[in-house]
Amino acid sequence: MVEDILTKVTGDDKLSTKYIGNKSPFPDLRGDLPYFNAVMVVTTRGIMEAVDLTTGEFAPMKPVSGADALLIIRKLKDELRFF
């Protein structure tokens, strides 16, 4: 969802395919998964980060807490100020 918002606001259609084919930096996230590109877009922009910084795991299927969701929204809002 965040990737779609960034793509529409920035007008950069290449954003939705930018990381396809790249190797995953996360041990629990394969590069061939359909949501891999979206994870890479939000992590490289600092909007989201790995759940466990010691192992580098992103945990894409675990729920996001309310506090973390608010933090993500704030970071997205800050990112969108430039557009």
PDB file of N, CA and C in Angstrom:
ATOM      1  N   MET A   1       0.818  -1.172   0.000  1.00  0.00           N
ATOM      2  CA  MET A   1       0.000   0.000   0.000  1.00  0.00           C
ATOM      3  C   MET A   1       0.877   1.256   0.000  1.00  0.00           C
ATOM      4  N   VAL A   2       1.920   1.259   0.815  1.00  0.00           N
ATOM      5  CA  VAL A   2       2.809   2.419   0.898  1.00  0.00           C
ATOM      6  C   VAL A   2       3.554   2.606  -0.423  1.00  0.00           C
ATOM      7  N   GLU A   3       3.961   1.497  -1.033  1.00  0.00           N
ATOM      8  CA  GLU A   3       4.632   1.584  -2.332  1.00  0.00           C
ATOM      9  C   GLU A   3       3.707   2.224  -3.370  1.00  0.00           C
ATOM     10  N   ASP A   4       2.442   1.842  -3.379  1.00  0.00           N
ATOM     11  CA  ASP A   4       1.484   2.421  -4.321  1.00  0.00           C
ATOM     12  C   ASP A   4       1.314   3.919  -4.092  1.00  0.00           C
ATOM     13  N   ILE A   5       1.245   4.330  -2.849  1.00  0.00           N
ATOM     14  CA  ILE A   5       1.117   5.761  -2.532  1.00  0.00           C
ATOM     15  C   ILE A   5       2.335   6.521  -3.039  1.00  0.00           C
ATOM     16  N   LEU A   6       3.523   5.996  -2.764  1.00  0.00           N
ATOM     17  CA  LEU A   6       4.750   6.657  -3.212  1.00  0.00           C
ATOM     18  C   LEU A   6       4.818   6.734  -4.734  1.00  0.00           C
ATOM     19  N   THR A   7       4.407   5.667  -5.407  1.00  0.00           N
ATOM     20  CA  THR A   7       4.429   5.649  -6.867  1.00  0.00           C
ATOM     21  C   THR A   7       3.503   6.708  -7.444  1.00  0.00           C
ATOM     22  N   LYS A   8       2.304   6.829  -6.890  1.00  0.00           N
ATOM     23  CA  LYS A   8       1.331   7.799  -7.396  1.00  0.00           C
ATOM     24  C   LYS A   8       1.729   9.236  -7.095  1.00  0.00           C
ATOM     25  N   VAL A   9       2.209   9.474  -5.895  1.00  0.00           N
ATOM     26  CA  VAL A   9       2.560  10.835  -5.496  1.00  0.00           C
ATOM     27  C   VAL A   9       3.795  11.328  -6.240  1.00  0.00           C
ATOM     28  N   THR A  10       4.796  10.466  -6.369  1.00  0.00           N
ATOM     29  CA  THR A  10       6.030  10.870  -7.038  1.00  0.00           C
ATOM     30  C   THR A  10       5.899  10.840  -8.560  1.00  0.00           C
ATOM     31  N   GLY A  11       4.943  10.074  -9.068  1.00  0.00           N
ATOM     32  CA  GLY A  11       4.796   9.933 -10.513  1.00  0.00           C
ATOM     33  C   GLY A  11       5.873   9.042 -11.116  1.00  0.00           C
ATOM     34  N   ASP A  12       6.619   8.345 -10.276  1.00  0.00           N
ATOM     35  CA  ASP A  12       7.697   7.469 -10.727  1.00  0.00           C
ATOM     36  C   ASP A  12       7.170   6.049 -10.870  1.00  0.00           C
ATOM     37  N   ASP A  13       6.714   5.693 -12.070  1.00  0.00           N
ATOM     38  CA  ASP A  13       6.165   4.359 -12.310  1.00  0.00           C
ATOM     39  C   ASP A  13       7.226   3.272 -12.201  1.00  0.00           C
ATOM     40  N   LYS A  14       8.482   3.615 -12.364  1.00  0.00           N
ATOM     41  CA  LYS A  14       9.564   2.635 -12.264  1.00  0.00           C
ATOM     42  C   LYS A  14       9.762   2.148 -10.832  1.00  0.00           C
ATOM     43  N   LEU A  15       9.235   2.876  -9.885  1.00  0.00           N
ATOM     44  CA  LEU A  15       9.371   2.511  -8.477  1.00  0.00           C
ATOM     45  C   LEU A  15       8.746   1.148  -8.187  1.00  0.00           C
ATOM     46  N   SER A  16       7.691   0.805  -8.900  1.00  0.00           N
ATOM     47  CA  SER A  16       6.989  -0.458  -8.638  1.00  0.00           C
ATOM     48  C   SER A  16       7.737  -1.685  -9.168  1.00  0.00           C
ATOM     49  N   THR A  17       8.819  -1.482  -9.904  1.00  0.00           N
ATOM     50  CA  THR A  17       9.613  -2.609 -10.403  1.00  0.00           C
ATOM     51  C   THR A  17      11.111  -2.420 -10.161  1.00  0.00           C
ATOM     52  N   LYS A  18      11.477  -1.418  -9.425  1.00  0.00           N
ATOM     53  CA  LYS A  18      12.874  -1.034  -9.248  1.00  0.00           C
ATOM     54  C   LYS A  18      13.759  -2.150  -8.692  1.00  0.00           C
ATOM     55  N   TYR A  19      13.281  -2.944  -7.771  1.00  0.00           N
ATOM     56  CA  TYR A  19      14.107  -3.937  -7.086  1.00  0.00           C
ATOM     57  C   TYR A  19      13.848  -5.374  -7.533  1.00  0.00           C
ATOM     58  N   ILE A  20      13.014  -5.562  -8.539  1.00  0.00           N
ATOM     59  CA  ILE A  20      12.731  -6.911  -9.031  1.00  0.00           C
ATOM     60  C   ILE A  20      14.012  -7.506  -9.606  1.00  0.00           C
ATOM     61  N   GLY A  21      14.324  -8.713  -9.176  1.00  0.00           N
ATOM     62  CA  GLY A  21      15.521  -9.396  -9.639  1.00  0.00           C
ATOM     63  C   GLY A  21      16.732  -9.197  -8.744  1.00  0.00           C
ATOM     64  N   ASN A  22      16.624  -8.319  -7.753  1.00  0.00           N
ATOM     65  CA  ASN A  22      17.727  -8.097  -6.818  1.00  0.00           C
ATOM     66  C   ASN A  22      17.748  -9.178  -5.743  1.00  0.00           C
ATOM     67  N   LYS A  23      18.897  -9.334  -5.122  1.00  0.00           N
ATOM     68  CA  LYS A  23      19.037 -10.273  -4.012  1.00  0.00           C
ATOM     69  C   LYS A  23      18.491  -9.610  -2.746  1.00  0.00           C
ATOM     70  N   SER A  24      17.801 -10.387  -1.933  1.00  0.00           N
ATOM     71  CA  SER A  24      17.206  -9.869  -0.713  1.00  0.00           C
ATOM     72  C   SER A  24      18.240  -9.695   0.388  1.00  0.00           C
ATOM     73  N   PRO A  25      18.229  -8.553   1.066  1.00  0.00           N
ATOM     74  CA  PRO A  25      19.119  -8.360   2.213  1.00  0.00           C
ATOM     75  C   PRO A  25      18.549  -8.961   3.506  1.00  0.00           C
ATOM     76  N   PHE A  26      17.331  -9.465   3.435  1.00  0.00           N
ATOM     77  CA  PHE A  26      16.655 -10.016   4.602  1.00  0.00           C
ATOM     78  C   PHE A  26      16.656 -11.548   4.533  1.00  0.00           C
ATOM     79  N   PRO A  27      17.066 -12.235   5.603  1.00  0.00           N
ATOM     80  CA  PRO A  27      17.130 -13.699   5.565  1.00  0.00           C
ATOM     81  C   PRO A  27      15.764 -14.375   5.460  1.00  0.00           C
ATOM     82  N   ASP A  28      14.703 -13.692   5.833  1.00  0.00           N
ATOM     83  CA  ASP A  28      13.365 -14.288   5.809  1.00  0.00           C
ATOM     84  C   ASP A  28      12.507 -13.763   4.655  1.00  0.00           C
ATOM     85  N   LEU A  29      13.130 -13.173   3.661  1.00  0.00           N
ATOM     86  CA  LEU A  29      12.386 -12.582   2.542  1.00  0.00           C
ATOM     87  C   LEU A  29      13.104 -12.919   1.242  1.00  0.00           C
ATOM     88  N   ARG A  30      12.490 -13.796   0.444  1.00  0.00           N
ATOM     89  CA  ARG A  30      13.085 -14.168  -0.836  1.00  0.00           C
ATOM     90  C   ARG A  30      12.848 -13.067  -1.867  1.00  0.00           C
ATOM     91  N   GLY A  31      13.776 -12.923  -2.774  1.00  0.00           N
ATOM     92  CA  GLY A  31      13.682 -11.901  -3.807  1.00  0.00           C
ATOM     93  C   GLY A  31      12.625 -12.170  -4.852  1.00  0.00           C
ATOM     94  N   ASP A  32      12.069 -13.387  -4.904  1.00  0.00           N
ATOM     95  CA  ASP A  32      11.058 -13.717  -5.908  1.00  0.00           C
ATOM     96  C   ASP A  32       9.623 -13.585  -5.375  1.00  0.00           C
ATOM     97  N   LEU A  33       9.469 -13.125  -4.157  1.00  0.00           N
ATOM     98  CA  LEU A  33       8.122 -12.954  -3.596  1.00  0.00           C
ATOM     99  C   LEU A  33       7.442 -11.739  -4.214  1.00  0.00           C
ATOM    100  N   PRO A  34       6.124 -11.768  -4.363  1.00  0.00           N
ATOM    101  CA  PRO A  34       5.418 -10.658  -5.009  1.00  0.00           C
ATOM    102  C   PRO A  34       5.521  -9.322  -4.263  1.00  0.00           C
ATOM    103  N   TYR A  35       5.740  -9.356  -2.975  1.00  0.00           N
ATOM    104  CA  TYR A  35       5.825  -8.123  -2.200  1.00  0.00           C
ATOM    105  C   TYR A  35       7.263  -7.695  -1.913  1.00  0.00           C
ATOM    106  N   PHE A  36       8.246  -8.388  -2.485  1.00  0.00           N
ATOM    107  CA  PHE A  36       9.655  -8.058  -2.253  1.00  0.00           C
ATOM    108  C   PHE A  36       9.972  -6.622  -2.667  1.00  0.00           C
ATOM    109  N   ASN A  37       9.525  -6.203  -3.826  1.00  0.00           N
ATOM    110  CA  ASN A  37       9.817  -4.845  -4.297  1.00  0.00           C
ATOM    111  C   ASN A  37       9.246  -3.801  -3.346  1.00  0.00           C
ATOM    112  N   ALA A  38       8.038  -4.018  -2.869  1.00  0.00           N
ATOM    113  CA  ALA A  38       7.417  -3.061  -1.950  1.00  0.00           C
ATOM    114  C   ALA A  38       8.215  -2.954  -0.650  1.00  0.00           C
ATOM    115  N   VAL A  39       8.683  -4.090  -0.139  1.00  0.00           N
ATOM    116  CA  VAL A  39       9.489  -4.081   1.079  1.00  0.00           C
ATOM    117  C   VAL A  39      10.777  -3.294   0.851  1.00  0.00           C
ATOM    118  N   MET A  40      11.403  -3.503  -0.276  1.00  0.00           N
ATOM    119  CA  MET A  40      12.652  -2.806  -0.576  1.00  0.00           C
ATOM    120  C   MET A  40      12.424  -1.299  -0.730  1.00  0.00           C
ATOM    121  N   VAL A  41      11.324  -0.904  -1.344  1.00  0.00           N
ATOM    122  CA  VAL A  41      11.020   0.522  -1.510  1.00  0.00           C
ATOM    123  C   VAL A  41      10.878   1.200  -0.150  1.00  0.00           C
ATOM    124  N   VAL A  42      10.126   0.594   0.750  1.00  0.00           N
ATOM    125  CA  VAL A  42       9.909   1.243   2.050  1.00  0.00           C
ATOM    126  C   VAL A  42      11.112   1.175   2.969  1.00  0.00           C
ATOM    127  N   THR A  43      11.926   0.123   2.843  1.00  0.00           N
ATOM    128  CA  THR A  43      13.099   0.033   3.714  1.00  0.00           C
ATOM    129  C   THR A  43      14.239   0.922   3.229  1.00  0.00           C
ATOM    130  N   THR A  44      14.428   1.024   1.934  1.00  0.00           N
ATOM    131  CA  THR A  44      15.511   1.872   1.428  1.00  0.00           C
ATOM    132  C   THR A  44      15.222   3.349   1.643  1.00  0.00           C
ATOM    133  N   ARG A  45      13.961   3.701   1.770  1.00  0.00           N
ATOM    134  CA  ARG A  45      13.582   5.094   2.028  1.00  0.00           C
ATOM    135  C   ARG A  45      13.464   5.393   3.515  1.00  0.00           C
ATOM    136  N   GLY A  46      13.685   4.393   4.358  1.00  0.00           N
ATOM    137  CA  GLY A  46      13.650   4.599   5.800  1.00  0.00           C
ATOM    138  C   GLY A  46      12.256   4.687   6.388  1.00  0.00           C
ATOM    139  N   ILE A  47      11.262   4.270   5.647  1.00  0.00           N
ATOM    140  CA  ILE A  47       9.883   4.326   6.136  1.00  0.00           C
ATOM    141  C   ILE A  47       9.605   3.144   7.069  1.00  0.00           C
ATOM    142  N   MET A  48      10.157   1.988   6.739  1.00  0.00           N
ATOM    143  CA  MET A  48      10.055   0.798   7.583  1.00  0.00           C
ATOM    144  C   MET A  48      11.453   0.218   7.733  1.00  0.00           C
ATOM    145  N   GLU A  49      11.617  -0.650   8.720  1.00  0.00           N
ATOM    146  CA  GLU A  49      12.915  -1.288   8.936  1.00  0.00           C
ATOM    147  C   GLU A  49      12.698  -2.725   9.383  1.00  0.00           C
ATOM    148  N   ALA A  50      13.774  -3.469   9.447  1.00  0.00           N
ATOM    149  CA  ALA A  50      13.705  -4.856   9.892  1.00  0.00           C
ATOM    150  C   ALA A  50      13.129  -4.921  11.302  1.00  0.00           C
ATOM    151  N   VAL A  51      12.377  -5.964  11.568  1.00  0.00           N
ATOM    152  CA  VAL A  51      11.774  -6.148  12.889  1.00  0.00           C
ATOM    153  C   VAL A  51      12.857  -6.479  13.916  1.00  0.00           C
ATOM    154  N   ASP A  52      13.797  -7.322  13.515  1.00  0.00           N
ATOM    155  CA  ASP A  52      14.880  -7.732  14.402  1.00  0.00           C
ATOM    156  C   ASP A  52      16.203  -7.292  13.779  1.00  0.00           C
ATOM    157  N   LEU A  53      16.786  -6.255  14.318  1.00  0.00           N
ATOM    158  CA  LEU A  53      18.010  -5.705  13.746  1.00  0.00           C
ATOM    159  C   LEU A  53      19.217  -6.611  13.948  1.00  0.00           C
ATOM    160  N   THR A  54      19.177  -7.513  14.936  1.00  0.00           N
ATOM    161  CA  THR A  54      20.309  -8.412  15.159  1.00  0.00           C
ATOM    162  C   THR A  54      20.367  -9.516  14.105  1.00  0.00           C
ATOM    163  N   THR A  55      19.206 -10.035  13.704  1.00  0.00           N
ATOM    164  CA  THR A  55      19.172 -11.094  12.687  1.00  0.00           C
ATOM    165  C   THR A  55      18.903 -10.542  11.296  1.00  0.00           C
ATOM    166  N   GLY A  56      18.385  -9.329  11.224  1.00  0.00           N
ATOM    167  CA  GLY A  56      18.047  -8.736   9.939  1.00  0.00           C
ATOM    168  C   GLY A  56      16.718  -9.183   9.384  1.00  0.00           C
ATOM    169  N   GLU A  57      15.934  -9.878  10.179  1.00  0.00           N
ATOM    170  CA  GLU A  57      14.639 -10.383   9.711  1.00  0.00           C
ATOM    171  C   GLU A  57      13.625  -9.252   9.586  1.00  0.00           C
ATOM    172  N   PHE A  58      12.892  -9.258   8.480  1.00  0.00           N
ATOM    173  CA  PHE A  58      11.861  -8.257   8.243  1.00  0.00           C
ATOM    174  C   PHE A  58      10.504  -8.712   8.789  1.00  0.00           C
ATOM    175  N   ALA A  59      10.258 -10.008   8.818  1.00  0.00           N
ATOM    176  CA  ALA A  59       9.000 -10.597   9.307  1.00  0.00           C
ATOM    177  C   ALA A  59       7.792 -10.029   8.560  1.00  0.00           C
ATOM    178  N   PRO A  60       7.713 -10.265   7.250  1.00  0.00           N
ATOM    179  CA  PRO A  60       6.646  -9.655   6.449  1.00  0.00           C
ATOM    180  C   PRO A  60       5.234 -10.128   6.772  1.00  0.00           C
ATOM    181  N   MET A  61       5.097 -11.289   7.386  1.00  0.00           N
ATOM    182  CA  MET A  61       3.759 -11.810   7.658  1.00  0.00           C
ATOM    183  C   MET A  61       3.298 -11.577   9.097  1.00  0.00           C
ATOM    184  N   LYS A  62       4.127 -10.957   9.897  1.00  0.00           N
ATOM    185  CA  LYS A  62       3.726 -10.666  11.278  1.00  0.00           C
ATOM    186  C   LYS A  62       2.937  -9.361  11.316  1.00  0.00           C
ATOM    187  N   PRO A  63       1.998  -9.254  12.244  1.00  0.00           N
ATOM    188  CA  PRO A  63       1.223  -8.013  12.353  1.00  0.00           C
ATOM    189  C   PRO A  63       2.088  -6.835  12.803  1.00  0.00           C
ATOM    190  N   VAL A  64       1.672  -5.651  12.417  1.00  0.00           N
ATOM    191  CA  VAL A  64       2.351  -4.414  12.816  1.00  0.00           C
ATOM    192  C   VAL A  64       1.564  -3.818  13.980  1.00  0.00           C
ATOM    193  N   SER A  65       2.256  -3.465  15.044  1.00  0.00           N
ATOM    194  CA  SER A  65       1.562  -2.889  16.203  1.00  0.00           C
ATOM    195  C   SER A  65       1.004  -1.514  15.852  1.00  0.00           C
ATOM    196  N   GLY A  66       0.074  -1.055  16.643  1.00  0.00           N
ATOM    197  CA  GLY A  66      -0.518   0.262  16.417  1.00  0.00           C
ATOM    198  C   GLY A  66       0.509   1.376  16.496  1.00  0.00           C
ATOM    199  N   ALA A  67       1.407   1.282  17.464  1.00  0.00           N
ATOM    200  CA  ALA A  67       2.444   2.302  17.618  1.00  0.00           C
ATOM    201  C   ALA A  67       3.381   2.308  16.414  1.00  0.00           C
ATOM    202  N   ASP A  68       3.752   1.110  15.931  1.00  0.00           N
ATOM    203  CA  ASP A  68       4.615   1.031  14.756  1.00  0.00           C
ATOM    204  C   ASP A  68       3.902   1.561  13.515  1.00  0.00           C
ATOM    205  N   ALA A  69       2.610   1.274  13.399  1.00  0.00           N
ATOM    206  CA  ALA A  69       1.842   1.771  12.260  1.00  0.00           C
ATOM    207  C   ALA A  69       1.807   3.299  12.255  1.00  0.00           C
ATOM    208  N   LEU A  70       1.627   3.903  13.411  1.00  0.00           N
ATOM    209  CA  LEU A  70       1.632   5.365  13.497  1.00  0.00           C
ATOM    210  C   LEU A  70       2.993   5.943  13.135  1.00  0.00           C
ATOM    211  N   LEU A  71       4.050   5.270  13.548  1.00  0.00           N
ATOM    212  CA  LEU A  71       5.399   5.706  13.211  1.00  0.00           C
ATOM    213  C   LEU A  71       5.644   5.609  11.699  1.00  0.00           C
ATOM    214  N   ILE A  72       5.173   4.548  11.088  1.00  0.00           N
ATOM    215  CA  ILE A  72       5.302   4.374   9.642  1.00  0.00           C
ATOM    216  C   ILE A  72       4.541   5.466   8.910  1.00  0.00           C
ATOM    217  N   ILE A  73       3.340   5.782   9.365  1.00  0.00           N
ATOM    218  CA  ILE A  73       2.546   6.844   8.746  1.00  0.00           C
ATOM    219  C   ILE A  73       3.250   8.185   8.874  1.00  0.00           C
ATOM    220  N   ARG A  74       3.845   8.448  10.016  1.00  0.00           N
ATOM    221  CA  ARG A  74       4.576   9.702  10.212  1.00  0.00           C
ATOM    222  C   ARG A  74       5.776   9.788   9.260  1.00  0.00           C
ATOM    223  N   LYS A  75       6.519   8.685   9.130  1.00  0.00           N
ATOM    224  CA  LYS A  75       7.667   8.677   8.228  1.00  0.00           C
ATOM    225  C   LYS A  75       7.228   8.845   6.780  1.00  0.00           C
ATOM    226  N   LEU A  76       6.112   8.238   6.408  1.00  0.00           N
ATOM    227  CA  LEU A  76       5.575   8.399   5.052  1.00  0.00           C
ATOM    228  C   LEU A  76       5.169   9.841   4.814  1.00  0.00           C
ATOM    229  N   LYS A  77       4.518  10.430   5.791  1.00  0.00           N
ATOM    230  CA  LYS A  77       4.114  11.833   5.684  1.00  0.00           C
ATOM    231  C   LYS A  77       5.333  12.738   5.505  1.00  0.00           C
ATOM    232  N   ASP A  78       6.390  12.476   6.255  1.00  0.00           N
ATOM    233  CA  ASP A  78       7.624  13.255   6.115  1.00  0.00           C
ATOM    234  C   ASP A  78       8.228  13.083   4.730  1.00  0.00           C
ATOM    235  N   GLU A  79       8.196  11.862   4.217  1.00  0.00           N
ATOM    236  CA  GLU A  79       8.730  11.571   2.874  1.00  0.00           C
ATOM    237  C   GLU A  79       7.933  12.315   1.799  1.00  0.00           C
ATOM    238  N   LEU A  80       6.638  12.434   1.997  1.00  0.00           N
ATOM    239  CA  LEU A  80       5.773  13.065   0.985  1.00  0.00           C
ATOM    240  C   LEU A  80       5.828  14.592   1.016  1.00  0.00           C
ATOM    241  N   ARG A  81       6.445  15.164   2.008  1.00  0.00           N
ATOM    242  CA  ARG A  81       6.569  16.626   2.071  1.00  0.00           C
ATOM    243  C   ARG A  81       7.369  17.191   0.916  1.00  0.00           C
ATOM    244  N   PHE A  82       8.215  16.374   0.327  1.00  0.00           N
ATOM    245  CA  PHE A  82       9.079  16.841  -0.766  1.00  0.00           C
ATOM    246  C   PHE A  82       8.340  16.911  -2.092  1.00  0.00           C
ATOM    247  N   PHE A  83       7.088  16.404  -2.142  1.00  0.00           N
ATOM    248  CA  PHE A  83       6.359  16.373  -3.421  1.00  0.00           C
ATOM    249  C   PHE A  83       5.130  17.233  -3.388  1.00  0.00           C
TER     250      PHE A  83
END
